[in-house]
N, C-alpha and C. Protein backbone atom coordinates (compact mmCIF):
# COMPACT_ATOMS: atom_id res chain seq x y z
N ASP A 1 109.88 -64.52 87.17
CA ASP A 1 108.74 -63.97 86.47
C ASP A 1 109.15 -63.71 85.02
N VAL A 2 108.55 -64.39 84.12
CA VAL A 2 108.88 -64.30 82.71
C VAL A 2 108.68 -62.88 82.17
N SER A 3 107.70 -62.18 82.70
CA SER A 3 107.42 -60.83 82.20
C SER A 3 108.55 -59.85 82.49
N LEU A 4 109.45 -60.19 83.40
CA LEU A 4 110.56 -59.30 83.76
C LEU A 4 111.80 -59.49 82.89
N GLN A 5 111.86 -60.55 82.12
CA GLN A 5 113.09 -60.89 81.41
C GLN A 5 113.59 -59.78 80.49
N GLY A 6 112.70 -59.19 79.73
CA GLY A 6 113.10 -58.10 78.83
C GLY A 6 113.61 -56.89 79.59
N ALA A 7 112.95 -56.55 80.68
CA ALA A 7 113.35 -55.41 81.49
C ALA A 7 114.68 -55.68 82.20
N LEU A 8 114.88 -56.91 82.67
CA LEU A 8 116.15 -57.26 83.32
C LEU A 8 117.31 -57.21 82.32
N LYS A 9 117.03 -57.64 81.10
CA LYS A 9 118.05 -57.54 80.04
C LYS A 9 118.35 -56.07 79.76
N ALA A 10 117.32 -55.24 79.72
CA ALA A 10 117.49 -53.80 79.50
C ALA A 10 118.30 -53.17 80.64
N LEU A 11 118.06 -53.62 81.87
CA LEU A 11 118.82 -53.11 83.01
C LEU A 11 120.30 -53.49 82.88
N ARG A 12 120.58 -54.73 82.47
CA ARG A 12 121.98 -55.14 82.27
C ARG A 12 122.64 -54.29 81.19
N THR A 13 121.91 -54.00 80.13
CA THR A 13 122.44 -53.16 79.05
C THR A 13 122.76 -51.77 79.58
N GLU A 14 121.86 -51.19 80.34
CA GLU A 14 122.07 -49.85 80.90
C GLU A 14 123.28 -49.83 81.83
N ARG A 15 123.40 -50.84 82.66
CA ARG A 15 124.48 -50.85 83.66
C ARG A 15 125.85 -51.16 83.06
N LYS A 16 125.87 -51.73 81.86
CA LYS A 16 127.17 -51.92 81.19
C LYS A 16 127.82 -50.58 80.89
N SER A 17 127.01 -49.63 80.47
CA SER A 17 127.56 -48.31 80.13
C SER A 17 127.54 -47.36 81.32
N ASN A 18 126.65 -47.59 82.28
CA ASN A 18 126.54 -46.71 83.45
C ASN A 18 126.14 -47.56 84.66
N PRO A 19 127.13 -48.15 85.36
CA PRO A 19 126.83 -49.08 86.46
C PRO A 19 125.99 -48.49 87.59
N SER A 20 125.99 -47.19 87.75
CA SER A 20 125.22 -46.59 88.85
C SER A 20 123.77 -46.30 88.47
N SER A 21 123.41 -46.59 87.24
CA SER A 21 122.06 -46.27 86.75
C SER A 21 121.14 -47.49 86.77
N GLY A 22 119.92 -47.26 87.16
CA GLY A 22 118.89 -48.29 87.10
C GLY A 22 117.85 -47.99 86.04
N ALA A 23 118.18 -47.15 85.08
CA ALA A 23 117.22 -46.67 84.07
C ALA A 23 116.99 -47.71 82.98
N TRP A 24 116.41 -48.81 83.34
CA TRP A 24 116.14 -49.91 82.41
C TRP A 24 115.21 -49.49 81.28
N TRP A 25 114.31 -48.55 81.54
CA TRP A 25 113.30 -48.14 80.56
C TRP A 25 113.92 -47.47 79.34
N ARG A 26 115.16 -47.02 79.44
CA ARG A 26 115.82 -46.41 78.28
C ARG A 26 116.04 -47.41 77.16
N HIS A 27 115.99 -48.68 77.49
CA HIS A 27 116.29 -49.73 76.51
C HIS A 27 115.08 -50.61 76.22
N VAL A 28 113.91 -50.14 76.60
CA VAL A 28 112.68 -50.90 76.35
C VAL A 28 111.70 -50.03 75.58
N ASP A 29 111.22 -50.56 74.48
CA ASP A 29 110.15 -49.90 73.73
C ASP A 29 108.85 -50.61 74.09
N PRO A 30 107.96 -49.95 74.83
CA PRO A 30 106.74 -50.63 75.26
C PRO A 30 105.91 -51.22 74.12
N SER A 31 106.03 -50.63 72.95
CA SER A 31 105.23 -51.14 71.83
C SER A 31 105.79 -52.44 71.26
N THR A 32 107.05 -52.74 71.56
CA THR A 32 107.64 -53.98 71.03
C THR A 32 108.17 -54.89 72.13
N ALA A 33 107.81 -54.62 73.37
CA ALA A 33 108.36 -55.37 74.49
C ALA A 33 107.61 -56.67 74.78
N GLY A 34 106.69 -57.02 73.93
CA GLY A 34 105.92 -58.24 74.16
C GLY A 34 104.90 -58.08 75.27
N LEU A 35 104.55 -56.85 75.56
CA LEU A 35 103.57 -56.58 76.60
C LEU A 35 102.19 -56.50 75.97
N SER A 36 101.36 -57.40 76.35
CA SER A 36 100.00 -57.35 75.82
C SER A 36 99.03 -57.73 76.92
N CYS A 37 97.89 -57.13 76.85
CA CYS A 37 96.87 -57.38 77.85
C CYS A 37 95.54 -57.04 77.22
N ASP A 38 94.61 -57.94 77.30
CA ASP A 38 93.28 -57.67 76.76
C ASP A 38 92.56 -56.68 77.67
N GLY A 39 91.65 -55.99 77.11
CA GLY A 39 90.85 -55.05 77.90
C GLY A 39 91.06 -53.63 77.45
N PRO A 40 90.33 -52.72 78.02
CA PRO A 40 90.39 -51.33 77.57
C PRO A 40 91.73 -50.65 77.85
N LEU A 41 92.45 -51.09 78.86
CA LEU A 41 93.73 -50.45 79.17
C LEU A 41 94.89 -51.11 78.44
N GLY A 42 94.70 -52.35 78.02
CA GLY A 42 95.67 -53.06 77.20
C GLY A 42 97.11 -52.91 77.62
N GLN A 43 97.91 -52.48 76.67
CA GLN A 43 99.36 -52.40 76.84
C GLN A 43 99.77 -51.44 77.96
N HIS A 44 99.04 -50.36 78.13
CA HIS A 44 99.36 -49.41 79.20
C HIS A 44 99.33 -50.10 80.56
N TRP A 45 98.32 -50.90 80.82
CA TRP A 45 98.20 -51.62 82.09
C TRP A 45 99.37 -52.60 82.25
N SER A 46 99.69 -53.29 81.20
CA SER A 46 100.77 -54.27 81.25
C SER A 46 102.11 -53.59 81.53
N PHE A 47 102.38 -52.47 80.87
CA PHE A 47 103.65 -51.77 81.08
C PHE A 47 103.69 -51.16 82.48
N SER A 48 102.58 -50.66 82.96
CA SER A 48 102.53 -50.13 84.33
C SER A 48 102.82 -51.22 85.35
N SER A 49 102.31 -52.41 85.13
CA SER A 49 102.59 -53.54 86.02
C SER A 49 104.08 -53.88 86.00
N LEU A 50 104.66 -53.84 84.82
CA LEU A 50 106.10 -54.11 84.69
C LEU A 50 106.91 -53.05 85.45
N ARG A 51 106.50 -51.81 85.37
CA ARG A 51 107.20 -50.74 86.07
C ARG A 51 107.16 -50.95 87.59
N VAL A 52 106.02 -51.40 88.11
CA VAL A 52 105.91 -51.67 89.54
C VAL A 52 106.84 -52.82 89.93
N LYS A 53 106.84 -53.87 89.15
CA LYS A 53 107.71 -55.03 89.45
C LYS A 53 109.18 -54.63 89.40
N MET A 54 109.55 -53.83 88.43
CA MET A 54 110.95 -53.41 88.33
C MET A 54 111.32 -52.45 89.46
N SER A 55 110.37 -51.65 89.92
CA SER A 55 110.62 -50.78 91.07
C SER A 55 110.94 -51.62 92.30
N GLU A 56 110.19 -52.68 92.49
CA GLU A 56 110.44 -53.58 93.62
C GLU A 56 111.80 -54.26 93.47
N TYR A 57 112.11 -54.69 92.25
CA TYR A 57 113.40 -55.35 91.99
C TYR A 57 114.56 -54.38 92.27
N LEU A 58 114.44 -53.15 91.79
CA LEU A 58 115.52 -52.18 92.00
C LEU A 58 115.67 -51.82 93.47
N CYS A 59 114.58 -51.80 94.21
CA CYS A 59 114.65 -51.53 95.64
C CYS A 59 115.44 -52.65 96.34
N LEU A 60 115.12 -53.88 96.04
CA LEU A 60 115.85 -55.01 96.63
C LEU A 60 117.31 -54.99 96.20
N LEU A 61 117.55 -54.74 94.93
CA LEU A 61 118.92 -54.70 94.42
C LEU A 61 119.73 -53.59 95.09
N SER A 62 119.12 -52.44 95.29
CA SER A 62 119.80 -51.33 95.96
C SER A 62 120.22 -51.71 97.37
N HIS A 63 119.34 -52.38 98.09
CA HIS A 63 119.68 -52.79 99.45
C HIS A 63 120.76 -53.86 99.46
N LEU A 64 120.68 -54.81 98.53
CA LEU A 64 121.73 -55.84 98.45
C LEU A 64 123.08 -55.22 98.12
N GLU A 65 123.08 -54.28 97.19
CA GLU A 65 124.34 -53.63 96.83
C GLU A 65 124.86 -52.76 97.97
N ALA A 66 123.96 -52.15 98.74
CA ALA A 66 124.39 -51.37 99.91
C ALA A 66 125.08 -52.28 100.92
N LEU A 67 124.55 -53.48 101.09
CA LEU A 67 125.19 -54.44 101.99
C LEU A 67 126.55 -54.88 101.45
N ASP A 68 126.61 -55.16 100.15
CA ASP A 68 127.89 -55.52 99.52
C ASP A 68 128.90 -54.39 99.69
N LEU A 69 128.45 -53.19 99.56
CA LEU A 69 129.31 -52.01 99.73
C LEU A 69 129.79 -51.92 101.18
N ALA A 70 128.89 -52.16 102.11
CA ALA A 70 129.21 -52.06 103.54
C ALA A 70 130.27 -53.07 103.98
N VAL A 71 130.23 -54.26 103.39
CA VAL A 71 131.19 -55.30 103.79
C VAL A 71 132.40 -55.35 102.88
N GLY A 72 132.45 -54.45 101.89
CA GLY A 72 133.62 -54.35 101.03
C GLY A 72 133.65 -55.26 99.83
N CYS A 73 132.52 -55.87 99.50
CA CYS A 73 132.46 -56.76 98.33
C CYS A 73 132.34 -55.99 97.02
N LYS A 74 131.89 -54.75 97.10
CA LYS A 74 131.72 -53.91 95.91
C LYS A 74 132.27 -52.52 96.18
N LYS A 75 132.63 -51.86 95.10
CA LYS A 75 133.06 -50.46 95.17
C LYS A 75 131.87 -49.57 94.83
N GLU A 76 131.92 -48.31 95.28
CA GLU A 76 130.81 -47.39 95.03
C GLU A 76 130.46 -47.30 93.55
N GLU A 77 131.48 -47.24 92.70
CA GLU A 77 131.24 -47.07 91.26
C GLU A 77 130.58 -48.29 90.61
N GLU A 78 130.52 -49.41 91.33
CA GLU A 78 129.87 -50.62 90.81
C GLU A 78 128.42 -50.74 91.26
N CYS A 79 128.00 -49.84 92.12
CA CYS A 79 126.67 -49.93 92.72
C CYS A 79 125.71 -48.90 92.14
N LEU A 80 124.44 -49.22 92.25
CA LEU A 80 123.42 -48.23 91.90
C LEU A 80 123.61 -47.00 92.77
N ALA A 81 123.35 -45.85 92.21
CA ALA A 81 123.53 -44.60 92.96
C ALA A 81 122.73 -44.63 94.26
N GLU A 82 121.55 -45.22 94.23
CA GLU A 82 120.71 -45.30 95.42
C GLU A 82 121.36 -46.16 96.50
N SER A 83 122.15 -47.14 96.11
CA SER A 83 122.82 -48.01 97.07
C SER A 83 123.84 -47.24 97.90
N VAL A 84 124.52 -46.33 97.24
CA VAL A 84 125.55 -45.53 97.91
C VAL A 84 124.91 -44.66 98.99
N HIS A 85 123.70 -44.18 98.73
CA HIS A 85 123.00 -43.33 99.70
C HIS A 85 122.50 -44.13 100.90
N LEU A 86 122.53 -45.44 100.80
CA LEU A 86 122.13 -46.28 101.93
C LEU A 86 123.35 -46.66 102.77
N GLY A 87 124.42 -45.90 102.64
CA GLY A 87 125.67 -46.20 103.31
C GLY A 87 125.56 -46.33 104.82
N GLY A 88 124.61 -45.68 105.43
CA GLY A 88 124.42 -45.80 106.87
C GLY A 88 124.04 -47.20 107.29
N LEU A 89 123.63 -48.00 106.34
CA LEU A 89 123.28 -49.38 106.62
C LEU A 89 124.47 -50.14 107.19
N GLY A 90 125.66 -49.85 106.66
CA GLY A 90 126.87 -50.53 107.15
C GLY A 90 127.15 -50.21 108.60
N SER A 91 127.05 -48.94 108.98
CA SER A 91 127.30 -48.58 110.38
C SER A 91 126.21 -49.16 111.29
N SER A 92 124.99 -49.25 110.78
CA SER A 92 123.92 -49.85 111.56
C SER A 92 124.19 -51.33 111.81
N LEU A 93 124.68 -52.02 110.80
CA LEU A 93 125.02 -53.44 110.96
C LEU A 93 126.14 -53.61 111.98
N GLN A 94 127.11 -52.71 111.94
CA GLN A 94 128.21 -52.77 112.90
C GLN A 94 127.69 -52.61 114.33
N GLU A 95 126.76 -51.70 114.52
CA GLU A 95 126.16 -51.51 115.84
C GLU A 95 125.47 -52.79 116.32
N LEU A 96 124.73 -53.42 115.42
CA LEU A 96 124.04 -54.66 115.77
C LEU A 96 125.03 -55.77 116.11
N ARG A 97 126.14 -55.85 115.37
CA ARG A 97 127.17 -56.86 115.65
C ARG A 97 127.76 -56.68 117.04
N GLN A 98 127.79 -55.46 117.51
CA GLN A 98 128.35 -55.16 118.82
C GLN A 98 127.32 -55.32 119.94
N GLY A 99 126.16 -55.86 119.59
CA GLY A 99 125.14 -56.13 120.59
C GLY A 99 124.27 -54.94 120.94
N ARG A 100 124.42 -53.87 120.20
CA ARG A 100 123.59 -52.70 120.46
C ARG A 100 122.28 -52.82 119.70
N ARG A 101 121.34 -51.97 120.05
CA ARG A 101 120.08 -51.98 119.31
C ARG A 101 119.91 -50.64 118.61
N LEU A 102 119.12 -50.66 117.58
CA LEU A 102 118.89 -49.44 116.80
C LEU A 102 117.49 -48.93 117.06
N VAL A 103 117.38 -47.62 117.13
CA VAL A 103 116.09 -46.98 117.28
C VAL A 103 116.01 -45.90 116.21
N ASN A 104 114.95 -45.90 115.47
CA ASN A 104 114.77 -44.92 114.41
C ASN A 104 113.64 -43.98 114.83
N ARG A 105 113.97 -42.72 115.02
CA ARG A 105 112.95 -41.77 115.41
C ARG A 105 113.30 -40.40 114.85
N ALA A 106 112.30 -39.57 114.73
CA ALA A 106 112.51 -38.20 114.26
C ALA A 106 113.02 -37.36 115.44
N VAL A 107 114.04 -36.58 115.16
CA VAL A 107 114.64 -35.74 116.19
C VAL A 107 114.81 -34.34 115.61
N PRO A 108 114.41 -33.31 116.35
CA PRO A 108 114.63 -31.94 115.86
C PRO A 108 116.11 -31.67 115.63
N GLN A 109 116.40 -30.87 114.63
CA GLN A 109 117.78 -30.54 114.26
C GLN A 109 118.58 -30.01 115.45
N GLU A 110 117.94 -29.19 116.26
CA GLU A 110 118.64 -28.61 117.42
C GLU A 110 119.11 -29.70 118.38
N ASP A 111 118.28 -30.73 118.58
CA ASP A 111 118.65 -31.83 119.47
C ASP A 111 119.85 -32.60 118.92
N LEU A 112 119.89 -32.77 117.59
CA LEU A 112 121.04 -33.45 116.97
C LEU A 112 122.31 -32.65 117.14
N GLN A 113 122.20 -31.34 116.98
CA GLN A 113 123.38 -30.49 117.14
C GLN A 113 123.88 -30.52 118.58
N GLN A 114 122.95 -30.52 119.54
CA GLN A 114 123.33 -30.59 120.95
C GLN A 114 123.97 -31.94 121.27
N ALA A 115 123.40 -33.01 120.74
CA ALA A 115 123.96 -34.35 120.97
C ALA A 115 125.37 -34.43 120.40
N ALA A 116 125.58 -33.88 119.21
CA ALA A 116 126.91 -33.88 118.61
C ALA A 116 127.88 -33.07 119.45
N ALA A 117 127.43 -31.94 119.98
CA ALA A 117 128.27 -31.11 120.83
C ALA A 117 128.62 -31.85 122.12
N ASP A 118 127.63 -32.56 122.68
CA ASP A 118 127.86 -33.32 123.91
C ASP A 118 128.87 -34.44 123.69
N LEU A 119 128.76 -35.10 122.54
CA LEU A 119 129.72 -36.17 122.23
C LEU A 119 131.11 -35.63 122.06
N GLY A 120 131.22 -34.44 121.49
CA GLY A 120 132.52 -33.83 121.26
C GLY A 120 133.20 -33.37 122.54
N SER A 121 132.41 -33.17 123.59
CA SER A 121 133.00 -32.66 124.83
C SER A 121 133.51 -33.78 125.74
N ASP A 122 133.28 -35.03 125.39
CA ASP A 122 133.76 -36.15 126.21
C ASP A 122 135.24 -36.39 126.08
């Protein structure tokens, strides 16, 4: 997507000085970013669209970096901060490799504490 090129360049600039940051907007001036759109909302609409696209890009990038982190291809300090918080992804992948299945459900805190206590007593 051609409209992302300036923002992707801004993201590379940000990550050179702070690899864990995805704050691409620090290096983009919306008034000079080549964002134009006819209509009453004009540039605001165009920049908002860019922000949504970059949010999607950063989400995908965070997950890819979390996987790289899980398999040892990257170090924590090379990843977006959000990627590091997805660290449970690695243990989930390990479970799947062992033929187990994953279930994601809400559990009351007390049940988790009891389950941990039960595991510790084995």
